Amino acid sequence: MSRKLVRPRQGRMLAGVCAGLAQRFGLSTNLVRLLFLLSLLLPGTQVIIYLILWLLIPNEDRIY
């Protein structure tokens, strides 16, 4: 059950970060997206973390 953290080509809205996290942890993609949107109401660096994850998590087709 060891899934790799990747940004899938199918089912992404922006960069696929939420879809990738949802697949990795076995959650609903919509739930992860909703949690991210709700987290934007709190003060913090959520957008910066999202952008960093976008850069660090590889695309699904670039896995070796």
PDB file of N, CA and C in Angstrom:
ATOM      1  N   MET A   1       0.824  -1.196   0.000  1.00  0.00           N
ATOM      2  CA  MET A   1       0.000   0.000   0.000  1.00  0.00           C
ATOM      3  C   MET A   1       0.867   1.260   0.000  1.00  0.00           C
ATOM      4  N   SER A   2       2.082   1.121  -0.383  1.00  0.00           N
ATOM      5  CA  SER A   2       3.000   2.251  -0.445  1.00  0.00           C
ATOM      6  C   SER A   2       2.802   2.984  -1.763  1.00  0.00           C
ATOM      7  N   ARG A   3       2.071   4.079  -1.720  1.00  0.00           N
ATOM      8  CA  ARG A   3       1.846   4.895  -2.910  1.00  0.00           C
ATOM      9  C   ARG A   3       2.825   6.050  -2.903  1.00  0.00           C
ATOM     10  N   LYS A   4       3.290   6.400  -4.068  1.00  0.00           N
ATOM     11  CA  LYS A   4       4.207   7.530  -4.179  1.00  0.00           C
ATOM     12  C   LYS A   4       3.406   8.816  -4.278  1.00  0.00           C
ATOM     13  N   LEU A   5       4.000   9.871  -3.819  1.00  0.00           N
ATOM     14  CA  LEU A   5       3.375  11.183  -3.886  1.00  0.00           C
ATOM     15  C   LEU A   5       3.703  11.806  -5.230  1.00  0.00           C
ATOM     16  N   VAL A   6       2.697  11.859  -6.104  1.00  0.00           N
ATOM     17  CA  VAL A   6       2.848  12.437  -7.438  1.00  0.00           C
ATOM     18  C   VAL A   6       1.643  13.311  -7.739  1.00  0.00           C
ATOM     19  N   ARG A   7       1.813  14.197  -8.703  1.00  0.00           N
ATOM     20  CA  ARG A   7       0.691  15.008  -9.187  1.00  0.00           C
ATOM     21  C   ARG A   7       0.106  14.310 -10.403  1.00  0.00           C
ATOM     22  N   PRO A   8      -1.109  13.769 -10.283  1.00  0.00           N
ATOM     23  CA  PRO A   8      -1.690  12.998 -11.391  1.00  0.00           C
ATOM     24  C   PRO A   8      -2.061  13.887 -12.571  1.00  0.00           C
ATOM     25  N   ARG A   9      -2.077  13.285 -13.753  1.00  0.00           N
ATOM     26  CA  ARG A   9      -2.492  14.002 -14.963  1.00  0.00           C
ATOM     27  C   ARG A   9      -4.012  14.131 -15.025  1.00  0.00           C
ATOM     28  N   GLN A  10      -4.712  13.140 -14.504  1.00  0.00           N
ATOM     29  CA  GLN A  10      -6.176  13.128 -14.523  1.00  0.00           C
ATOM     30  C   GLN A  10      -6.713  13.690 -13.210  1.00  0.00           C
ATOM     31  N   GLY A  11      -7.739  14.519 -13.272  1.00  0.00           N
ATOM     32  CA  GLY A  11      -8.426  14.984 -12.079  1.00  0.00           C
ATOM     33  C   GLY A  11      -7.804  16.186 -11.390  1.00  0.00           C
ATOM     34  N   ARG A  12      -6.887  16.866 -12.031  1.00  0.00           N
ATOM     35  CA  ARG A  12      -6.299  18.036 -11.396  1.00  0.00           C
ATOM     36  C   ARG A  12      -7.078  19.281 -11.773  1.00  0.00           C
ATOM     37  N   MET A  13      -7.070  20.259 -10.877  1.00  0.00           N
ATOM     38  CA  MET A  13      -7.736  21.531 -11.163  1.00  0.00           C
ATOM     39  C   MET A  13      -6.704  22.607 -11.486  1.00  0.00           C
ATOM     40  N   LEU A  14      -5.774  22.839 -10.590  1.00  0.00           N
ATOM     41  CA  LEU A  14      -4.707  23.814 -10.864  1.00  0.00           C
ATOM     42  C   LEU A  14      -3.423  23.070 -11.198  1.00  0.00           C
ATOM     43  N   ALA A  15      -2.737  22.646 -10.170  1.00  0.00           N
ATOM     44  CA  ALA A  15      -1.454  21.985 -10.382  1.00  0.00           C
ATOM     45  C   ALA A  15      -1.494  20.512 -10.036  1.00  0.00           C
ATOM     46  N   GLY A  16      -2.560  20.059  -9.404  1.00  0.00           N
ATOM     47  CA  GLY A  16      -2.673  18.657  -9.036  1.00  0.00           C
ATOM     48  C   GLY A  16      -2.132  18.327  -7.659  1.00  0.00           C
ATOM     49  N   VAL A  17      -1.790  19.343  -6.878  1.00  0.00           N
ATOM     50  CA  VAL A  17      -1.240  19.099  -5.547  1.00  0.00           C
ATOM     51  C   VAL A  17      -2.282  18.450  -4.645  1.00  0.00           C
ATOM     52  N   CYS A  18      -3.484  18.991  -4.606  1.00  0.00           N
ATOM     53  CA  CYS A  18      -4.539  18.429  -3.755  1.00  0.00           C
ATOM     54  C   CYS A  18      -4.923  17.024  -4.222  1.00  0.00           C
ATOM     55  N   ALA A  19      -4.990  16.814  -5.520  1.00  0.00           N
ATOM     56  CA  ALA A  19      -5.316  15.484  -6.044  1.00  0.00           C
ATOM     57  C   ALA A  19      -4.226  14.482  -5.688  1.00  0.00           C
ATOM     58  N   GLY A  20      -2.977  14.900  -5.766  1.00  0.00           N
ATOM     59  CA  GLY A  20      -1.868  14.025  -5.414  1.00  0.00           C
ATOM     60  C   GLY A  20      -1.860  13.671  -3.941  1.00  0.00           C
ATOM     61  N   LEU A  21      -2.112  14.658  -3.086  1.00  0.00           N
ATOM     62  CA  LEU A  21      -2.172  14.397  -1.648  1.00  0.00           C
ATOM     63  C   LEU A  21      -3.339  13.476  -1.310  1.00  0.00           C
ATOM     64  N   ALA A  22      -4.464  13.679  -1.972  1.00  0.00           N
ATOM     65  CA  ALA A  22      -5.629  12.837  -1.724  1.00  0.00           C
ATOM     66  C   ALA A  22      -5.355  11.387  -2.123  1.00  0.00           C
ATOM     67  N   GLN A  23      -4.735  11.179  -3.268  1.00  0.00           N
ATOM     68  CA  GLN A  23      -4.410   9.818  -3.698  1.00  0.00           C
ATOM     69  C   GLN A  23      -3.404   9.176  -2.762  1.00  0.00           C
ATOM     70  N   ARG A  24      -2.418   9.924  -2.334  1.00  0.00           N
ATOM     71  CA  ARG A  24      -1.361   9.379  -1.475  1.00  0.00           C
ATOM     72  C   ARG A  24      -1.896   8.902  -0.136  1.00  0.00           C
ATOM     73  N   PHE A  25      -2.831   9.671   0.442  1.00  0.00           N
ATOM     74  CA  PHE A  25      -3.345   9.348   1.767  1.00  0.00           C
ATOM     75  C   PHE A  25      -4.718   8.668   1.735  1.00  0.00           C
ATOM     76  N   GLY A  26      -5.229   8.347   0.548  1.00  0.00           N
ATOM     77  CA  GLY A  26      -6.485   7.616   0.428  1.00  0.00           C
ATOM     78  C   GLY A  26      -7.712   8.423   0.813  1.00  0.00           C
ATOM     79  N   LEU A  27      -7.690   9.704   0.548  1.00  0.00           N
ATOM     80  CA  LEU A  27      -8.810  10.584   0.876  1.00  0.00           C
ATOM     81  C   LEU A  27      -9.529  11.010  -0.398  1.00  0.00           C
ATOM     82  N   SER A  28     -10.676  11.617  -0.222  1.00  0.00           N
ATOM     83  CA  SER A  28     -11.414  12.177  -1.346  1.00  0.00           C
ATOM     84  C   SER A  28     -10.710  13.445  -1.833  1.00  0.00           C
ATOM     85  N   THR A  29     -10.609  13.589  -3.133  1.00  0.00           N
ATOM     86  CA  THR A  29      -9.964  14.776  -3.699  1.00  0.00           C
ATOM     87  C   THR A  29     -10.725  16.032  -3.311  1.00  0.00           C
ATOM     88  N   ASN A  30     -12.047  15.954  -3.342  1.00  0.00           N
ATOM     89  CA  ASN A  30     -12.852  17.121  -2.984  1.00  0.00           C
ATOM     90  C   ASN A  30     -12.680  17.496  -1.516  1.00  0.00           C
ATOM     91  N   LEU A  31     -12.480  16.522  -0.646  1.00  0.00           N
ATOM     92  CA  LEU A  31     -12.259  16.802   0.766  1.00  0.00           C
ATOM     93  C   LEU A  31     -10.947  17.553   0.965  1.00  0.00           C
ATOM     94  N   VAL A  32      -9.895  17.124   0.297  1.00  0.00           N
ATOM     95  CA  VAL A  32      -8.599  17.798   0.423  1.00  0.00           C
ATOM     96  C   VAL A  32      -8.697  19.217  -0.129  1.00  0.00           C
ATOM     97  N   ARG A  33      -9.382  19.392  -1.230  1.00  0.00           N
ATOM     98  CA  ARG A  33      -9.560  20.736  -1.799  1.00  0.00           C
ATOM     99  C   ARG A  33     -10.348  21.629  -0.852  1.00  0.00           C
ATOM    100  N   LEU A  34     -11.405  21.081  -0.262  1.00  0.00           N
ATOM    101  CA  LEU A  34     -12.217  21.845   0.676  1.00  0.00           C
ATOM    102  C   LEU A  34     -11.401  22.235   1.905  1.00  0.00           C
ATOM    103  N   LEU A  35     -10.609  21.306   2.431  1.00  0.00           N
ATOM    104  CA  LEU A  35      -9.760  21.617   3.582  1.00  0.00           C
ATOM    105  C   LEU A  35      -8.744  22.706   3.249  1.00  0.00           C
ATOM    106  N   PHE A  36      -8.192  22.651   2.043  1.00  0.00           N
ATOM    107  CA  PHE A  36      -7.251  23.698   1.633  1.00  0.00           C
ATOM    108  C   PHE A  36      -7.946  25.055   1.543  1.00  0.00           C
ATOM    109  N   LEU A  37      -9.130  25.084   0.950  1.00  0.00           N
ATOM    110  CA  LEU A  37      -9.857  26.352   0.846  1.00  0.00           C
ATOM    111  C   LEU A  37     -10.227  26.897   2.216  1.00  0.00           C
ATOM    112  N   LEU A  38     -10.632  26.021   3.128  1.00  0.00           N
ATOM    113  CA  LEU A  38     -10.952  26.469   4.482  1.00  0.00           C
ATOM    114  C   LEU A  38      -9.705  26.959   5.212  1.00  0.00           C
ATOM    115  N   SER A  39      -8.565  26.360   4.927  1.00  0.00           N
ATOM    116  CA  SER A  39      -7.330  26.799   5.575  1.00  0.00           C
ATOM    117  C   SER A  39      -6.924  28.198   5.128  1.00  0.00           C
ATOM    118  N   LEU A  40      -7.407  28.630   3.965  1.00  0.00           N
ATOM    119  CA  LEU A  40      -7.083  29.975   3.494  1.00  0.00           C
ATOM    120  C   LEU A  40      -7.726  31.050   4.364  1.00  0.00           C
ATOM    121  N   LEU A  41      -8.747  30.683   5.129  1.00  0.00           N
ATOM    122  CA  LEU A  41      -9.386  31.632   6.030  1.00  0.00           C
ATOM    123  C   LEU A  41      -8.525  31.918   7.256  1.00  0.00           C
ATOM    124  N   LEU A  42      -7.601  31.033   7.561  1.00  0.00           N
ATOM    125  CA  LEU A  42      -6.707  31.197   8.696  1.00  0.00           C
ATOM    126  C   LEU A  42      -5.452  31.954   8.263  1.00  0.00           C
ATOM    127  N   PRO A  43      -4.865  32.705   9.183  1.00  0.00           N
ATOM    128  CA  PRO A  43      -3.603  33.361   8.823  1.00  0.00           C
ATOM    129  C   PRO A  43      -2.491  32.336   8.694  1.00  0.00           C
ATOM    130  N   GLY A  44      -1.627  32.549   7.730  1.00  0.00           N
ATOM    131  CA  GLY A  44      -0.519  31.616   7.541  1.00  0.00           C
ATOM    132  C   GLY A  44       0.021  31.665   6.128  1.00  0.00           C
ATOM    133  N   THR A  45       0.828  30.680   5.831  1.00  0.00           N
ATOM    134  CA  THR A  45       1.532  30.652   4.548  1.00  0.00           C
ATOM    135  C   THR A  45       1.051  29.500   3.667  1.00  0.00           C
ATOM    136  N   GLN A  46      -0.249  29.265   3.638  1.00  0.00           N
ATOM    137  CA  GLN A  46      -0.796  28.143   2.886  1.00  0.00           C
ATOM    138  C   GLN A  46      -0.493  28.238   1.403  1.00  0.00           C
ATOM    139  N   VAL A  47      -0.590  29.396   0.831  1.00  0.00           N
ATOM    140  CA  VAL A  47      -0.354  29.559  -0.608  1.00  0.00           C
ATOM    141  C   VAL A  47       1.112  29.293  -0.930  1.00  0.00           C
ATOM    142  N   ILE A  48       2.007  29.754  -0.083  1.00  0.00           N
ATOM    143  CA  ILE A  48       3.432  29.516  -0.308  1.00  0.00           C
ATOM    144  C   ILE A  48       3.737  28.024  -0.210  1.00  0.00           C
ATOM    145  N   ILE A  49       3.139  27.343   0.768  1.00  0.00           N
ATOM    146  CA  ILE A  49       3.331  25.893   0.904  1.00  0.00           C
ATOM    147  C   ILE A  49       2.797  25.168  -0.324  1.00  0.00           C
ATOM    148  N   TYR A  50       1.634  25.600  -0.836  1.00  0.00           N
ATOM    149  CA  TYR A  50       1.078  24.998  -2.049  1.00  0.00           C
ATOM    150  C   TYR A  50       2.044  25.161  -3.226  1.00  0.00           C
ATOM    151  N   LEU A  51       2.600  26.358  -3.374  1.00  0.00           N
ATOM    152  CA  LEU A  51       3.532  26.608  -4.477  1.00  0.00           C
ATOM    153  C   LEU A  51       4.806  25.772  -4.330  1.00  0.00           C
ATOM    154  N   ILE A  52       5.289  25.615  -3.109  1.00  0.00           N
ATOM    155  CA  ILE A  52       6.475  24.785  -2.883  1.00  0.00           C
ATOM    156  C   ILE A  52       6.177  23.329  -3.215  1.00  0.00           C
ATOM    157  N   LEU A  53       5.000  22.845  -2.799  1.00  0.00           N
ATOM    158  CA  LEU A  53       4.624  21.470  -3.128  1.00  0.00           C
ATOM    159  C   LEU A  53       4.479  21.286  -4.637  1.00  0.00           C
ATOM    160  N   TRP A  54       3.984  22.303  -5.313  1.00  0.00           N
ATOM    161  CA  TRP A  54       3.846  22.262  -6.775  1.00  0.00           C
ATOM    162  C   TRP A  54       5.220  22.048  -7.419  1.00  0.00           C
ATOM    163  N   LEU A  55       6.228  22.694  -6.870  1.00  0.00           N
ATOM    164  CA  LEU A  55       7.577  22.548  -7.417  1.00  0.00           C
ATOM    165  C   LEU A  55       8.240  21.230  -7.026  1.00  0.00           C
ATOM    166  N   LEU A  56       7.960  20.727  -5.820  1.00  0.00           N
ATOM    167  CA  LEU A  56       8.650  19.544  -5.319  1.00  0.00           C
ATOM    168  C   LEU A  56       8.024  18.212  -5.722  1.00  0.00           C
ATOM    169  N   ILE A  57       6.711  18.167  -5.844  1.00  0.00           N
ATOM    170  CA  ILE A  57       6.034  16.910  -6.176  1.00  0.00           C
ATOM    171  C   ILE A  57       6.111  16.696  -7.687  1.00  0.00           C
ATOM    172  N   PRO A  58       6.659  15.573  -8.120  1.00  0.00           N
ATOM    173  CA  PRO A  58       6.801  15.344  -9.564  1.00  0.00           C
ATOM    174  C   PRO A  58       5.474  15.002 -10.234  1.00  0.00           C
ATOM    175  N   ASN A  59       5.417  15.252 -11.534  1.00  0.00           N
ATOM    176  CA  ASN A  59       4.264  14.833 -12.316  1.00  0.00           C
ATOM    177  C   ASN A  59       4.223  13.314 -12.374  1.00  0.00           C
ATOM    178  N   GLU A  60       3.062  12.783 -12.632  1.00  0.00           N
ATOM    179  CA  GLU A  60       2.869  11.329 -12.688  1.00  0.00           C
ATOM    180  C   GLU A  60       3.712  10.689 -13.777  1.00  0.00           C
ATOM    181  N   ASP A  61       3.902  11.351 -14.883  1.00  0.00           N
ATOM    182  CA  ASP A  61       4.638  10.764 -15.998  1.00  0.00           C
ATOM    183  C   ASP A  61       6.153  10.914 -15.861  1.00  0.00           C
ATOM    184  N   ARG A  62       6.641  11.616 -14.850  1.00  0.00           N
ATOM    185  CA  ARG A  62       8.080  11.815 -14.675  1.00  0.00           C
ATOM    186  C   ARG A  62       8.678  10.916 -13.605  1.00  0.00           C
ATOM    187  N   ILE A  63       7.974   9.894 -13.214  1.00  0.00           N
ATOM    188  CA  ILE A  63       8.481   8.970 -12.182  1.00  0.00           C
ATOM    189  C   ILE A  63       9.414   7.963 -12.841  1.00  0.00           C
ATOM    190  N   TYR A  64      10.520   7.702 -12.190  1.00  0.00           N
ATOM    191  CA  TYR A  64      11.498   6.766 -12.736  1.00  0.00           C
ATOM    192  C   TYR A  64      11.489   5.483 -11.962  1.00  0.00           C
TER     193      TYR A  64
END
